[in-house]
Amino acid sequence: KMASDYNETFSKMEQVFKGNSKQVEAWAKNSLKEFGMARETAYGMVATFGDMSMSMGLSSDEALQMSTSVAGLAGDMAAFHNVSLDVAQTALNSIWTGETESLRQFGIVMTQTNLDAFALEKGLGKTFQQMSQSEHVQLRYAYVMENTANAHGNYLLTNKEAAGQMKTLSESVKELAANIGQVLLPIITPILTKLNEWISKLLEMDEGQKK
């Protein structure tokens, strides 16, 4: 199942990034060591962020840079605040959705007033209301990255501690299972195919056969 999930997630990532998928592969190669996340977790996160980025008008290159950066931040925030990767990812989804409540638990208050002040500070010459959807995403991204500066690189600093090792263990097992599963898939897949054919035949039984 881990191998199958990995293949599905990898396929999704390739579909989202197309020509840039090799760059995502290169980034995810060290995701377990650098951010404490298995490649399947990394691909899933980056694909989700990338898909949202491009649907909001960002280019594939912009989506690649933003998605890998925020995915890495999720690993660092999980370590810094001692939360799961899922909790960190949910909070960081706010960069695209604009939902702010989940970020507050990390001390990030991303109100429109604060974003306007941030835009003014950076000399952008526009208020939040005057910006396009893609500019909203880029502004929220810059705001979150700046307001999480203390967490940047935290996984590498703290992964030797017990809490860090526990988080790494679950993702390491996931990575190992996916690797071993790749060897098993060619054996399991024909068996699953036959089982599905058998079940399909059973579903076609008439009432007499069922009794």
C-alpha atoms as a PDB file:
ATOM      1  CA  LYS A   1       0.000   0.000   0.000  1.00  0.00           C
ATOM      2  CA  MET A   2       2.838   2.406   0.817  1.00  0.00           C
ATOM      3  CA  ALA A   3       4.408   1.766  -2.586  1.00  0.00           C
ATOM      4  CA  SER A   4       1.079   2.194  -4.329  1.00  0.00           C
ATOM      5  CA  ASP A   5       0.432   5.449  -2.472  1.00  0.00           C
ATOM      6  CA  TYR A   6       3.913   6.637  -3.411  1.00  0.00           C
ATOM      7  CA  ASN A   7       3.296   5.912  -7.102  1.00  0.00           C
ATOM      8  CA  GLU A   8      -0.053   7.709  -7.048  1.00  0.00           C
ATOM      9  CA  THR A   9       1.437  10.762  -5.318  1.00  0.00           C
ATOM     10  CA  PHE A  10       4.455  10.815  -7.632  1.00  0.00           C
ATOM     11  CA  SER A  11       2.140  10.662 -10.650  1.00  0.00           C
ATOM     12  CA  LYS A  12       0.122  13.586  -9.269  1.00  0.00           C
ATOM     13  CA  MET A  13       3.302  15.608  -8.770  1.00  0.00           C
ATOM     14  CA  GLU A  14       4.429  14.891 -12.350  1.00  0.00           C
ATOM     15  CA  GLN A  15       1.041  15.927 -13.694  1.00  0.00           C
ATOM     16  CA  VAL A  16       1.121  19.208 -11.763  1.00  0.00           C
ATOM     17  CA  PHE A  17       4.700  20.233 -12.562  1.00  0.00           C
ATOM     18  CA  LYS A  18       5.257  18.487 -15.909  1.00  0.00           C
ATOM     19  CA  GLY A  19       8.562  19.961 -17.191  1.00  0.00           C
ATOM     20  CA  ASN A  20       9.676  20.933 -13.695  1.00  0.00           C
ATOM     21  CA  SER A  21       9.020  17.536 -12.114  1.00  0.00           C
ATOM     22  CA  LYS A  22      12.715  16.547 -12.264  1.00  0.00           C
ATOM     23  CA  GLN A  23      13.553  19.552 -10.111  1.00  0.00           C
ATOM     24  CA  VAL A  24      10.969  18.455  -7.552  1.00  0.00           C
ATOM     25  CA  GLU A  25      12.516  14.954  -7.597  1.00  0.00           C
ATOM     26  CA  ALA A  26      15.965  16.433  -6.947  1.00  0.00           C
ATOM     27  CA  TRP A  27      14.586  18.497  -4.043  1.00  0.00           C
ATOM     28  CA  ALA A  28      12.688  15.557  -2.509  1.00  0.00           C
ATOM     29  CA  LYS A  29      15.729  13.279  -2.707  1.00  0.00           C
ATOM     30  CA  ASN A  30      16.980  14.693   0.609  1.00  0.00           C
ATOM     31  CA  SER A  31      13.627  15.627   2.154  1.00  0.00           C
ATOM     32  CA  LEU A  32      13.890  12.937   4.846  1.00  0.00           C
ATOM     33  CA  LYS A  33      17.292  14.173   6.034  1.00  0.00           C
ATOM     34  CA  GLU A  34      16.623  17.893   5.698  1.00  0.00           C
ATOM     35  CA  PHE A  35      12.973  18.194   6.736  1.00  0.00           C
ATOM     36  CA  GLY A  36      12.021  14.865   8.308  1.00  0.00           C
ATOM     37  CA  MET A  37       9.531  13.903   5.623  1.00  0.00           C
ATOM     38  CA  ALA A  38       9.430  10.855   3.372  1.00  0.00           C
ATOM     39  CA  ARG A  39       9.458  11.491  -0.371  1.00  0.00           C
ATOM     40  CA  GLU A  40       5.808  10.481  -0.667  1.00  0.00           C
ATOM     41  CA  THR A  41       4.892  13.099   1.950  1.00  0.00           C
ATOM     42  CA  ALA A  42       7.083  15.679   0.214  1.00  0.00           C
ATOM     43  CA  TYR A  43       5.653  14.970  -3.241  1.00  0.00           C
ATOM     44  CA  GLY A  44       2.101  15.141  -1.917  1.00  0.00           C
ATOM     45  CA  MET A  45       2.664  18.439  -0.166  1.00  0.00           C
ATOM     46  CA  VAL A  46       4.490  20.058  -3.071  1.00  0.00           C
ATOM     47  CA  ALA A  47       1.883  18.833  -5.572  1.00  0.00           C
ATOM     48  CA  THR A  48      -0.939  20.307  -3.480  1.00  0.00           C
ATOM     49  CA  PHE A  49       0.828  23.645  -3.051  1.00  0.00           C
ATOM     50  CA  GLY A  50       1.865  23.714  -6.715  1.00  0.00           C
ATOM     51  CA  ASP A  51      -1.617  22.950  -7.984  1.00  0.00           C
ATOM     52  CA  MET A  52      -3.092  25.770  -5.887  1.00  0.00           C
ATOM     53  CA  SER A  53      -0.342  28.146  -7.019  1.00  0.00           C
ATOM     54  CA  MET A  54      -0.914  27.585 -10.724  1.00  0.00           C
ATOM     55  CA  SER A  55      -4.691  27.700 -10.371  1.00  0.00           C
ATOM     56  CA  MET A  56      -4.218  31.191  -8.929  1.00  0.00           C
ATOM     57  CA  GLY A  57      -2.158  32.455 -11.826  1.00  0.00           C
ATOM     58  CA  LEU A  58       1.439  31.705 -10.869  1.00  0.00           C
ATOM     59  CA  SER A  59       3.801  30.243 -13.453  1.00  0.00           C
ATOM     60  CA  SER A  60       5.183  26.721 -13.129  1.00  0.00           C
ATOM     61  CA  ASP A  61       8.592  28.126 -12.113  1.00  0.00           C
ATOM     62  CA  GLU A  62       7.050  30.388  -9.473  1.00  0.00           C
ATOM     63  CA  ALA A  63       4.907  27.506  -8.209  1.00  0.00           C
ATOM     64  CA  LEU A  64       7.963  25.236  -7.983  1.00  0.00           C
ATOM     65  CA  GLN A  65       9.982  27.714  -5.941  1.00  0.00           C
ATOM     66  CA  MET A  66       7.102  28.570  -3.625  1.00  0.00           C
ATOM     67  CA  SER A  67       5.881  25.003  -3.139  1.00  0.00           C
ATOM     68  CA  THR A  68       9.240  23.472  -2.257  1.00  0.00           C
ATOM     69  CA  SER A  69      10.038  26.400   0.032  1.00  0.00           C
ATOM     70  CA  VAL A  70       6.744  26.114   1.928  1.00  0.00           C
ATOM     71  CA  ALA A  71       6.964  22.305   2.113  1.00  0.00           C
ATOM     72  CA  GLY A  72      10.398  22.640   3.692  1.00  0.00           C
ATOM     73  CA  LEU A  73       8.986  25.231   6.069  1.00  0.00           C
ATOM     74  CA  ALA A  74       6.294  22.711   7.106  1.00  0.00           C
ATOM     75  CA  GLY A  75       9.044  20.320   8.239  1.00  0.00           C
ATOM     76  CA  ASP A  76      10.819  23.085  10.135  1.00  0.00           C
ATOM     77  CA  MET A  77       7.615  24.345  11.763  1.00  0.00           C
ATOM     78  CA  ALA A  78       6.650  20.812  12.801  1.00  0.00           C
ATOM     79  CA  ALA A  79      10.008  20.518  14.567  1.00  0.00           C
ATOM     80  CA  PHE A  80      10.033  24.049  16.008  1.00  0.00           C
ATOM     81  CA  HIS A  81       6.491  23.903  17.430  1.00  0.00           C
ATOM     82  CA  ASN A  82       6.455  20.141  18.109  1.00  0.00           C
ATOM     83  CA  VAL A  83       3.386  19.462  15.960  1.00  0.00           C
ATOM     84  CA  SER A  84       2.714  16.940  13.205  1.00  0.00           C
ATOM     85  CA  LEU A  85       3.459  17.640   9.546  1.00  0.00           C
ATOM     86  CA  ASP A  86      -0.290  17.566   8.855  1.00  0.00           C
ATOM     87  CA  VAL A  87      -0.925  20.366  11.346  1.00  0.00           C
ATOM     88  CA  ALA A  88       1.895  22.458   9.863  1.00  0.00           C
ATOM     89  CA  GLN A  89       0.647  21.866   6.322  1.00  0.00           C
ATOM     90  CA  THR A  90      -2.920  22.815   7.231  1.00  0.00           C
ATOM     91  CA  ALA A  91      -1.698  26.100   8.676  1.00  0.00           C
ATOM     92  CA  LEU A  92       0.478  26.857   5.656  1.00  0.00           C
ATOM     93  CA  ASN A  93      -2.420  26.216   3.281  1.00  0.00           C
ATOM     94  CA  SER A  94      -3.494  29.678   4.460  1.00  0.00           C
ATOM     95  CA  ILE A  95      -0.961  31.181   2.062  1.00  0.00           C
ATOM     96  CA  TRP A  96      -3.282  30.121  -0.751  1.00  0.00           C
ATOM     97  CA  THR A  97      -6.687  30.050   0.934  1.00  0.00           C
ATOM     98  CA  GLY A  98      -6.378  33.235   2.959  1.00  0.00           C
ATOM     99  CA  GLU A  99      -7.793  31.478   6.025  1.00  0.00           C
ATOM    100  CA  THR A 100      -5.932  32.861   9.024  1.00  0.00           C
ATOM    101  CA  GLU A 101      -7.170  31.022  12.120  1.00  0.00           C
ATOM    102  CA  SER A 102      -4.895  27.980  11.746  1.00  0.00           C
ATOM    103  CA  LEU A 103      -1.828  30.247  11.594  1.00  0.00           C
ATOM    104  CA  ARG A 104      -2.649  31.960  14.883  1.00  0.00           C
ATOM    105  CA  GLN A 105      -1.545  28.914  16.888  1.00  0.00           C
ATOM    106  CA  PHE A 106       1.960  29.659  15.591  1.00  0.00           C
ATOM    107  CA  GLY A 107       1.781  33.335  16.508  1.00  0.00           C
ATOM    108  CA  ILE A 108       1.172  34.535  12.943  1.00  0.00           C
ATOM    109  CA  VAL A 109      -1.642  37.075  12.647  1.00  0.00           C
ATOM    110  CA  MET A 110      -2.264  37.512   8.924  1.00  0.00           C
ATOM    111  CA  THR A 111      -5.085  40.052   8.844  1.00  0.00           C
ATOM    112  CA  GLN A 112      -5.711  42.268   5.832  1.00  0.00           C
ATOM    113  CA  THR A 113      -4.565  45.251   7.896  1.00  0.00           C
ATOM    114  CA  ASN A 114      -1.268  43.529   8.651  1.00  0.00           C
ATOM    115  CA  LEU A 115      -0.852  42.526   5.015  1.00  0.00           C
ATOM    116  CA  ASP A 116      -1.469  46.134   3.903  1.00  0.00           C
ATOM    117  CA  ALA A 117       1.153  47.354   6.381  1.00  0.00           C
ATOM    118  CA  PHE A 118       3.568  44.675   5.153  1.00  0.00           C
ATOM    119  CA  ALA A 119       2.992  45.644   1.507  1.00  0.00           C
ATOM    120  CA  LEU A 120       3.630  49.296   2.391  1.00  0.00           C
ATOM    121  CA  GLU A 121       6.792  48.365   4.288  1.00  0.00           C
ATOM    122  CA  LYS A 122       8.077  46.432   1.260  1.00  0.00           C
ATOM    123  CA  GLY A 123       7.330  49.334  -1.078  1.00  0.00           C
ATOM    124  CA  LEU A 124       4.837  47.402  -3.237  1.00  0.00           C
ATOM    125  CA  GLY A 125       2.717  50.508  -3.884  1.00  0.00           C
ATOM    126  CA  LYS A 126      -0.602  48.625  -3.661  1.00  0.00           C
ATOM    127  CA  THR A 127      -3.048  47.673  -0.975  1.00  0.00           C
ATOM    128  CA  PHE A 128      -4.250  44.087  -0.658  1.00  0.00           C
ATOM    129  CA  GLN A 129      -7.561  45.027  -2.272  1.00  0.00           C
ATOM    130  CA  GLN A 130      -5.795  46.419  -5.341  1.00  0.00           C
ATOM    131  CA  MET A 131      -3.815  43.235  -5.980  1.00  0.00           C
ATOM    132  CA  SER A 132      -4.607  40.307  -8.269  1.00  0.00           C
ATOM    133  CA  GLN A 133      -5.192  36.793  -6.941  1.00  0.00           C
ATOM    134  CA  SER A 134      -1.632  35.726  -7.760  1.00  0.00           C
ATOM    135  CA  GLU A 135      -0.281  38.844  -6.026  1.00  0.00           C
ATOM    136  CA  HIS A 136      -2.354  37.954  -2.947  1.00  0.00           C
ATOM    137  CA  VAL A 137      -0.629  34.576  -2.806  1.00  0.00           C
ATOM    138  CA  GLN A 138       2.827  36.075  -3.265  1.00  0.00           C
ATOM    139  CA  LEU A 139       2.174  38.693  -0.566  1.00  0.00           C
ATOM    140  CA  ARG A 140       0.888  36.112   1.934  1.00  0.00           C
ATOM    141  CA  TYR A 141       3.845  33.864   1.100  1.00  0.00           C
ATOM    142  CA  ALA A 142       6.372  36.645   1.765  1.00  0.00           C
ATOM    143  CA  TYR A 143       4.536  37.596   4.977  1.00  0.00           C
ATOM    144  CA  VAL A 144       4.489  34.034   6.324  1.00  0.00           C
ATOM    145  CA  MET A 145       8.117  33.377   5.390  1.00  0.00           C
ATOM    146  CA  GLU A 146       9.232  36.524   7.189  1.00  0.00           C
ATOM    147  CA  ASN A 147       7.120  35.789  10.269  1.00  0.00           C
ATOM    148  CA  THR A 148       8.430  32.224  10.590  1.00  0.00           C
ATOM    149  CA  ALA A 149      12.103  33.168  10.413  1.00  0.00           C
ATOM    150  CA  ASN A 150      12.844  31.598  13.808  1.00  0.00           C
ATOM    151  CA  ALA A 151      11.661  28.209  12.565  1.00  0.00           C
ATOM    152  CA  HIS A 152      13.754  28.159   9.389  1.00  0.00           C
ATOM    153  CA  GLY A 153      16.257  25.297   9.480  1.00  0.00           C
ATOM    154  CA  ASN A 154      14.970  24.109  12.851  1.00  0.00           C
ATOM    155  CA  TYR A 155      14.567  20.471  11.834  1.00  0.00           C
ATOM    156  CA  LEU A 156      18.286  20.115  11.139  1.00  0.00           C
ATOM    157  CA  LEU A 157      19.089  21.833  14.447  1.00  0.00           C
ATOM    158  CA  THR A 158      16.827  19.672  16.614  1.00  0.00           C
ATOM    159  CA  ASN A 159      16.372  16.355  14.809  1.00  0.00           C
ATOM    160  CA  LYS A 160      18.846  14.628  17.133  1.00  0.00           C
ATOM    161  CA  GLU A 161      16.512  15.132  20.083  1.00  0.00           C
ATOM    162  CA  ALA A 162      13.916  12.520  21.082  1.00  0.00           C
ATOM    163  CA  ALA A 163      10.888  14.408  19.689  1.00  0.00           C
ATOM    164  CA  GLY A 164      12.647  14.935  16.377  1.00  0.00           C
ATOM    165  CA  GLN A 165      13.717  11.306  16.181  1.00  0.00           C
ATOM    166  CA  MET A 166      10.150  10.122  16.853  1.00  0.00           C
ATOM    167  CA  LYS A 167       8.821  12.244  13.986  1.00  0.00           C
ATOM    168  CA  THR A 168      11.630  11.072  11.729  1.00  0.00           C
ATOM    169  CA  LEU A 169      11.004   7.430  12.630  1.00  0.00           C
ATOM    170  CA  SER A 170       7.430   7.381  11.315  1.00  0.00           C
ATOM    171  CA  GLU A 171       8.472   9.053   8.057  1.00  0.00           C
ATOM    172  CA  SER A 172      11.525   6.776   7.753  1.00  0.00           C
ATOM    173  CA  VAL A 173       9.318   3.699   8.092  1.00  0.00           C
ATOM    174  CA  LYS A 174       7.037   5.165   5.418  1.00  0.00           C
ATOM    175  CA  GLU A 175      10.026   5.651   3.102  1.00  0.00           C
ATOM    176  CA  LEU A 176      11.339   2.137   3.767  1.00  0.00           C
ATOM    177  CA  ALA A 177       7.929   0.548   3.195  1.00  0.00           C
ATOM    178  CA  ALA A 178       7.528   2.411  -0.092  1.00  0.00           C
ATOM    179  CA  ASN A 179      10.975   1.241  -1.253  1.00  0.00           C
ATOM    180  CA  ILE A 180      10.363  -2.401  -0.353  1.00  0.00           C
ATOM    181  CA  GLY A 181       6.841  -2.197  -1.729  1.00  0.00           C
ATOM    182  CA  GLN A 182       8.173  -1.290  -5.173  1.00  0.00           C
ATOM    183  CA  VAL A 183       9.708  -4.794  -5.303  1.00  0.00           C
ATOM    184  CA  LEU A 184       6.439  -6.402  -4.214  1.00  0.00           C
ATOM    185  CA  LEU A 185       4.101  -4.483  -6.529  1.00  0.00           C
ATOM    186  CA  PRO A 186       4.827  -6.561  -9.666  1.00  0.00           C
ATOM    187  CA  ILE A 187       3.939  -9.682  -7.666  1.00  0.00           C
ATOM    188  CA  ILE A 188       0.901  -8.270  -5.871  1.00  0.00           C
ATOM    189  CA  THR A 189      -0.709  -6.458  -8.822  1.00  0.00           C
ATOM    190  CA  PRO A 190      -1.608  -9.586 -10.872  1.00  0.00           C
ATOM    191  CA  ILE A 191      -3.068 -11.183  -7.717  1.00  0.00           C
ATOM    192  CA  LEU A 192      -5.202  -8.094  -7.068  1.00  0.00           C
ATOM    193  CA  THR A 193      -6.319  -8.136 -10.700  1.00  0.00           C
ATOM    194  CA  LYS A 194      -7.445 -11.779 -10.414  1.00  0.00           C
ATOM    195  CA  LEU A 195      -9.230 -11.081  -7.120  1.00  0.00           C
ATOM    196  CA  ASN A 196     -11.133  -8.193  -8.699  1.00  0.00           C
ATOM    197  CA  GLU A 197     -12.085 -10.380 -11.674  1.00  0.00           C
ATOM    198  CA  TRP A 198     -13.329 -13.069  -9.270  1.00  0.00           C
ATOM    199  CA  ILE A 199     -15.352 -10.569  -7.232  1.00  0.00           C
ATOM    200  CA  SER A 200     -16.803  -9.148 -10.450  1.00  0.00           C
ATOM    201  CA  LYS A 201     -18.018 -12.627 -11.403  1.00  0.00           C
ATOM    202  CA  LEU A 202     -19.528 -13.129  -7.934  1.00  0.00           C
ATOM    203  CA  LEU A 203     -21.405  -9.858  -8.265  1.00  0.00           C
ATOM    204  CA  GLU A 204     -22.981 -11.136 -11.499  1.00  0.00           C
ATOM    205  CA  MET A 205     -24.559 -14.186  -9.806  1.00  0.00           C
ATOM    206  CA  ASP A 206     -28.309 -14.543 -10.086  1.00  0.00           C
ATOM    207  CA  GLU A 207     -30.509 -15.147  -7.022  1.00  0.00           C
ATOM    208  CA  GLY A 208     -30.331 -18.924  -7.363  1.00  0.00           C
ATOM    209  CA  GLN A 209     -26.544 -18.922  -7.433  1.00  0.00           C
ATOM    210  CA  LYS A 210     -26.398 -16.621  -4.413  1.00  0.00           C
ATOM    211  CA  LYS A 211     -28.608 -18.987  -2.380  1.00  0.00           C
END
